PDB file of N, CA and C in Angstrom:
ATOM      1  N   MET A   1     -11.167 -89.130-177.830  1.00  0.00           N
ATOM      2  CA  MET A   1     -11.300 -87.747-178.396  1.00  0.00           C
ATOM      3  C   MET A   1     -11.807 -86.788-177.009  1.00  0.00           C
ATOM      4  N   LYS A   2     -10.914 -85.566-176.779  1.00  0.00           N
ATOM      5  CA  LYS A   2     -11.467 -84.840-175.915  1.00  0.00           C
ATOM      6  C   LYS A   2     -12.098 -83.424-176.260  1.00  0.00           C
ATOM      7  N   PHE A   3     -13.020 -83.110-175.723  1.00  0.00           N
ATOM      8  CA  PHE A   3     -13.667 -82.036-176.260  1.00  0.00           C
ATOM      9  C   PHE A   3     -13.229 -80.703-175.146  1.00  0.00           C
ATOM     10  N   LYS A   4     -13.040 -79.616-175.863  1.00  0.00           N
ATOM     11  CA  LYS A   4     -12.798 -78.340-175.273  1.00  0.00           C
ATOM     12  C   LYS A   4     -14.312 -77.711-174.637  1.00  0.00           C
ATOM     13  N   ARG A   5     -14.196 -77.269-173.378  1.00  0.00           N
ATOM     14  CA  ARG A   5     -15.258 -76.630-172.807  1.00  0.00           C
ATOM     15  C   ARG A   5     -15.211 -75.135-173.221  1.00  0.00           C
ATOM     16  N   ARG A   6     -15.962 -74.616-174.187  1.00  0.00           N
ATOM     17  CA  ARG A   6     -16.083 -73.479-174.577  1.00  0.00           C
ATOM     18  C   ARG A   6     -16.917 -72.282-174.084  1.00  0.00           C
ATOM     19  N   GLY A   7     -18.159 -72.906-173.519  1.00  0.00           N
ATOM     20  CA  GLY A   7     -19.131 -72.195-172.684  1.00  0.00           C
ATOM     21  C   GLY A   7     -18.745 -71.412-171.634  1.00  0.00           C
ATOM     22  N   LYS A   8     -17.992 -72.053-170.725  1.00  0.00           N
ATOM     23  CA  LYS A   8     -17.542 -71.448-169.541  1.00  0.00           C
ATOM     24  C   LYS A   8     -16.504 -70.420-169.810  1.00  0.00           C
ATOM     25  N   ARG A   9     -15.612 -70.583-170.878  1.00  0.00           N
ATOM     26  CA  ARG A   9     -14.617 -69.638-171.203  1.00  0.00           C
ATOM     27  C   ARG A   9     -15.244 -68.272-171.711  1.00  0.00           C
ATOM     28  N   LYS A  10     -16.092 -68.578-172.677  1.00  0.00           N
ATOM     29  CA  LYS A  10     -16.795 -67.245-173.263  1.00  0.00           C
ATOM     30  C   LYS A  10     -17.520 -66.605-172.049  1.00  0.00           C
ATOM     31  N   GLY A  11     -18.362 -67.285-171.021  1.00  0.00           N
ATOM     32  CA  GLY A  11     -18.920 -66.376-170.210  1.00  0.00           C
ATOM     33  C   GLY A  11     -17.871 -65.642-169.163  1.00  0.00           C
ATOM     34  N   THR A  12     -16.642 -66.267-168.911  1.00  0.00           N
ATOM     35  CA  THR A  12     -15.776 -65.553-168.130  1.00  0.00           C
ATOM     36  C   THR A  12     -15.250 -64.609-168.955  1.00  0.00           C
ATOM     37  N   GLN A  13     -14.963 -64.709-170.162  1.00  0.00           N
ATOM     38  CA  GLN A  13     -14.605 -63.481-171.042  1.00  0.00           C
ATOM     39  C   GLN A  13     -15.544 -62.356-171.046  1.00  0.00           C
ATOM     40  N   ARG A  14     -16.747 -62.853-171.029  1.00  0.00           N
ATOM     41  CA  ARG A  14     -17.830 -61.891-170.949  1.00  0.00           C
ATOM     42  C   ARG A  14     -17.932 -60.988-169.958  1.00  0.00           C
ATOM     43  N   ILE A  15     -17.733 -61.606-168.675  1.00  0.00           N
ATOM     44  CA  ILE A  15     -17.725 -61.000-167.426  1.00  0.00           C
ATOM     45  C   ILE A  15     -16.361 -60.263-167.400  1.00  0.00           C
ATOM     46  N   ARG A  16     -15.284 -60.518-167.743  1.00  0.00           N
ATOM     47  CA  ARG A  16     -14.299 -59.663-167.825  1.00  0.00           C
ATOM     48  C   ARG A  16     -14.519 -58.604-168.595  1.00  0.00           C
ATOM     49  N   TYR A  17     -14.991 -58.700-169.758  1.00  0.00           N
ATOM     50  CA  TYR A  17     -15.352 -57.424-170.560  1.00  0.00           C
ATOM     51  C   TYR A  17     -16.021 -56.459-170.060  1.00  0.00           C
ATOM     52  N   GLU A  18     -17.264 -57.113-169.272  1.00  0.00           N
ATOM     53  CA  GLU A  18     -18.096 -56.014-168.636  1.00  0.00           C
ATOM     54  C   GLU A  18     -17.273 -55.389-167.662  1.00  0.00           C
ATOM     55  N   LEU A  19     -16.535 -56.070-166.864  1.00  0.00           N
ATOM     56  CA  LEU A  19     -15.666 -55.404-165.673  1.00  0.00           C
ATOM     57  C   LEU A  19     -14.643 -54.451-166.350  1.00  0.00           C
ATOM     58  N   MET A  20     -14.171 -54.566-167.485  1.00  0.00           N
ATOM     59  CA  MET A  20     -13.056 -53.753-168.082  1.00  0.00           C
ATOM     60  C   MET A  20     -13.866 -52.444-168.492  1.00  0.00           C
ATOM     61  N   LYS A  21     -15.167 -52.653-169.158  1.00  0.00           N
ATOM     62  CA  LYS A  21     -16.011 -51.513-169.366  1.00  0.00           C
ATOM     63  C   LYS A  21     -16.386 -50.570-168.322  1.00  0.00           C
ATOM     64  N   CYS A  22     -16.704 -51.290-167.174  1.00  0.00           N
ATOM     65  CA  CYS A  22     -16.862 -50.415-165.929  1.00  0.00           C
ATOM     66  C   CYS A  22     -15.592 -49.841-165.449  1.00  0.00           C
ATOM     67  N   CYS A  23     -14.637 -50.339-165.419  1.00  0.00           N
ATOM     68  CA  CYS A  23     -13.262 -49.845-165.011  1.00  0.00           C
ATOM     69  C   CYS A  23     -12.796 -48.686-165.916  1.00  0.00           C
ATOM     70  N   THR A  24     -13.087 -48.965-167.154  1.00  0.00           N
ATOM     71  CA  THR A  24     -12.725 -47.961-168.266  1.00  0.00           C
ATOM     72  C   THR A  24     -13.468 -46.612-168.057  1.00  0.00           C
ATOM     73  N   LYS A  25     -14.748 -46.650-167.664  1.00  0.00           N
ATOM     74  CA  LYS A  25     -15.520 -45.440-167.451  1.00  0.00           C
ATOM     75  C   LYS A  25     -14.879 -44.916-166.189  1.00  0.00           C
ATOM     76  N   GLU A  26     -14.565 -45.611-165.200  1.00  0.00           N
ATOM     77  CA  GLU A  26     -13.885 -44.884-164.084  1.00  0.00           C
ATOM     78  C   GLU A  26     -12.783 -44.372-164.275  1.00  0.00           C
ATOM     79  N   ARG A  27     -11.759 -44.848-165.017  1.00  0.00           N
ATOM     80  CA  ARG A  27     -10.621 -44.504-165.458  1.00  0.00           C
ATOM     81  C   ARG A  27     -10.592 -43.107-166.314  1.00  0.00           C
ATOM     82  N   GLU A  28     -11.556 -43.205-167.219  1.00  0.00           N
ATOM     83  CA  GLU A  28     -11.792 -41.850-167.846  1.00  0.00           C
ATOM     84  C   GLU A  28     -12.157 -40.674-167.199  1.00  0.00           C
ATOM     85  N   GLN A  29     -13.011 -40.901-166.148  1.00  0.00           N
ATOM     86  CA  GLN A  29     -13.385 -40.070-165.338  1.00  0.00           C
ATOM     87  C   GLN A  29     -12.411 -39.516-164.255  1.00  0.00           C
ATOM     88  N   TRP A  30     -11.433 -40.278-163.918  1.00  0.00           N
ATOM     89  CA  TRP A  30     -10.513 -39.995-163.036  1.00  0.00           C
ATOM     90  C   TRP A  30      -9.377 -39.166-164.008  1.00  0.00           C
ATOM     91  N   ARG A  31      -9.185 -39.663-164.880  1.00  0.00           N
ATOM     92  CA  ARG A  31      -8.088 -39.101-166.031  1.00  0.00           C
ATOM     93  C   ARG A  31      -8.833 -37.487-166.320  1.00  0.00           C
ATOM     94  N   ALA A  32     -10.006 -37.325-166.577  1.00  0.00           N
ATOM     95  CA  ALA A  32     -10.595 -35.864-166.776  1.00  0.00           C
ATOM     96  C   ALA A  32     -10.432 -35.165-165.688  1.00  0.00           C
ATOM     97  N   GLU A  33     -10.760 -35.669-164.300  1.00  0.00           N
ATOM     98  CA  GLU A  33     -10.579 -34.965-163.164  1.00  0.00           C
ATOM     99  C   GLU A  33      -9.011 -34.622-162.905  1.00  0.00           C
ATOM    100  N   TYR A  34      -8.142 -35.527-163.142  1.00  0.00           N
ATOM    101  CA  TYR A  34      -6.924 -35.194-163.164  1.00  0.00           C
ATOM    102  C   TYR A  34      -6.258 -34.011-163.968  1.00  0.00           C
ATOM    103  N   ILE A  35      -6.621 -34.079-165.329  1.00  0.00           N
ATOM    104  CA  ILE A  35      -6.325 -33.197-166.311  1.00  0.00           C
ATOM    105  C   ILE A  35      -6.749 -31.635-165.930  1.00  0.00           C
ATOM    106  N   ALA A  36      -8.132 -31.685-165.258  1.00  0.00           N
ATOM    107  CA  ALA A  36      -8.727 -30.486-165.032  1.00  0.00           C
ATOM    108  C   ALA A  36      -7.838 -29.848-163.797  1.00  0.00           C
ATOM    109  N   ARG A  37      -7.502 -30.765-162.928  1.00  0.00           N
ATOM    110  CA  ARG A  37      -6.666 -30.149-161.719  1.00  0.00           C
ATOM    111  C   ARG A  37      -5.225 -29.553-162.369  1.00  0.00           C
ATOM    112  N   VAL A  38      -4.622 -30.359-162.959  1.00  0.00           N
ATOM    113  CA  VAL A  38      -3.497 -29.934-163.775  1.00  0.00           C
ATOM    114  C   VAL A  38      -3.502 -28.715-164.260  1.00  0.00           C
ATOM    115  N   LEU A  39      -4.572 -28.552-165.235  1.00  0.00           N
ATOM    116  CA  LEU A  39      -4.663 -27.476-166.019  1.00  0.00           C
ATOM    117  C   LEU A  39      -4.923 -26.087-165.032  1.00  0.00           C
ATOM    118  N   ARG A  40      -5.767 -26.445-163.958  1.00  0.00           N
ATOM    119  CA  ARG A  40      -5.937 -25.335-163.186  1.00  0.00           C
ATOM    120  C   ARG A  40      -4.737 -24.859-162.484  1.00  0.00           C
ATOM    121  N   VAL A  41      -3.642 -25.723-161.981  1.00  0.00           N
ATOM    122  CA  VAL A  41      -2.601 -25.318-161.395  1.00  0.00           C
ATOM    123  C   VAL A  41      -1.695 -24.407-162.401  1.00  0.00           C
ATOM    124  N   VAL A  42      -1.494 -24.987-163.675  1.00  0.00           N
ATOM    125  CA  VAL A  42      -0.892 -24.358-164.648  1.00  0.00           C
ATOM    126  C   VAL A  42      -1.541 -22.885-164.898  1.00  0.00           C
ATOM    127  N   GLN A  43      -2.673 -22.609-164.932  1.00  0.00           N
ATOM    128  CA  GLN A  43      -3.501 -21.566-165.194  1.00  0.00           C
ATOM    129  C   GLN A  43      -3.078 -20.508-164.048  1.00  0.00           C
ATOM    130  N   GLU A  44      -3.092 -20.945-162.697  1.00  0.00           N
ATOM    131  CA  GLU A  44      -2.772 -20.198-161.434  1.00  0.00           C
ATOM    132  C   GLU A  44      -1.278 -19.982-161.769  1.00  0.00           C
ATOM    133  N   GLU A  45      -0.291 -20.768-162.194  1.00  0.00           N
ATOM    134  CA  GLU A  45       1.153 -20.346-162.207  1.00  0.00           C
ATOM    135  C   GLU A  45       1.451 -19.255-163.304  1.00  0.00           C
ATOM    136  N   LEU A  46       0.572 -19.409-164.531  1.00  0.00           N
ATOM    137  CA  LEU A  46       0.651 -18.343-165.562  1.00  0.00           C
ATOM    138  C   LEU A  46       0.152 -16.875-165.033  1.00  0.00           C
ATOM    139  N   GLU A  47      -0.929 -16.981-164.107  1.00  0.00           N
ATOM    140  CA  GLU A  47      -1.310 -15.743-163.728  1.00  0.00           C
ATOM    141  C   GLU A  47      -0.398 -15.077-162.913  1.00  0.00           C
ATOM    142  N   THR A  48       0.280 -15.898-161.968  1.00  0.00           N
ATOM    143  CA  THR A  48       1.264 -15.499-161.149  1.00  0.00           C
ATOM    144  C   THR A  48       2.543 -14.841-161.702  1.00  0.00           C
ATOM    145  N   LEU A  49       2.866 -15.466-162.945  1.00  0.00           N
ATOM    146  CA  LEU A  49       3.998 -14.906-163.811  1.00  0.00           C
ATOM    147  C   LEU A  49       3.627 -13.818-164.403  1.00  0.00           C
ATOM    148  N   LYS A  50       2.426 -13.582-164.909  1.00  0.00           N
ATOM    149  CA  LYS A  50       1.873 -12.250-165.650  1.00  0.00           C
ATOM    150  C   LYS A  50       1.890 -11.074-164.473  1.00  0.00           C
ATOM    151  N   LYS A  51       1.706 -11.317-163.301  1.00  0.00           N
ATOM    152  CA  LYS A  51       1.674 -10.218-162.461  1.00  0.00           C
ATOM    153  C   LYS A  51       2.995  -9.845-161.867  1.00  0.00           C
ATOM    154  N   SER A  52       4.038 -10.568-162.173  1.00  0.00           N
ATOM    155  CA  SER A  52       5.417 -10.224-161.832  1.00  0.00           C
ATOM    156  C   SER A  52       6.021  -9.466-162.879  1.00  0.00           C
TER     157      SER A  52
END
């Protein structure tokens, strides 16, 4: 009878989950900054069109 090693797999999954949490925060930060830049460009374009 063979036994499966569960402890190592769980530890690896825990590390991956923690890395994903870290990366998720960075992705959310990048996304927020990107959206802010896009909105700023759109606002500048709208102001340009209003002046015309």
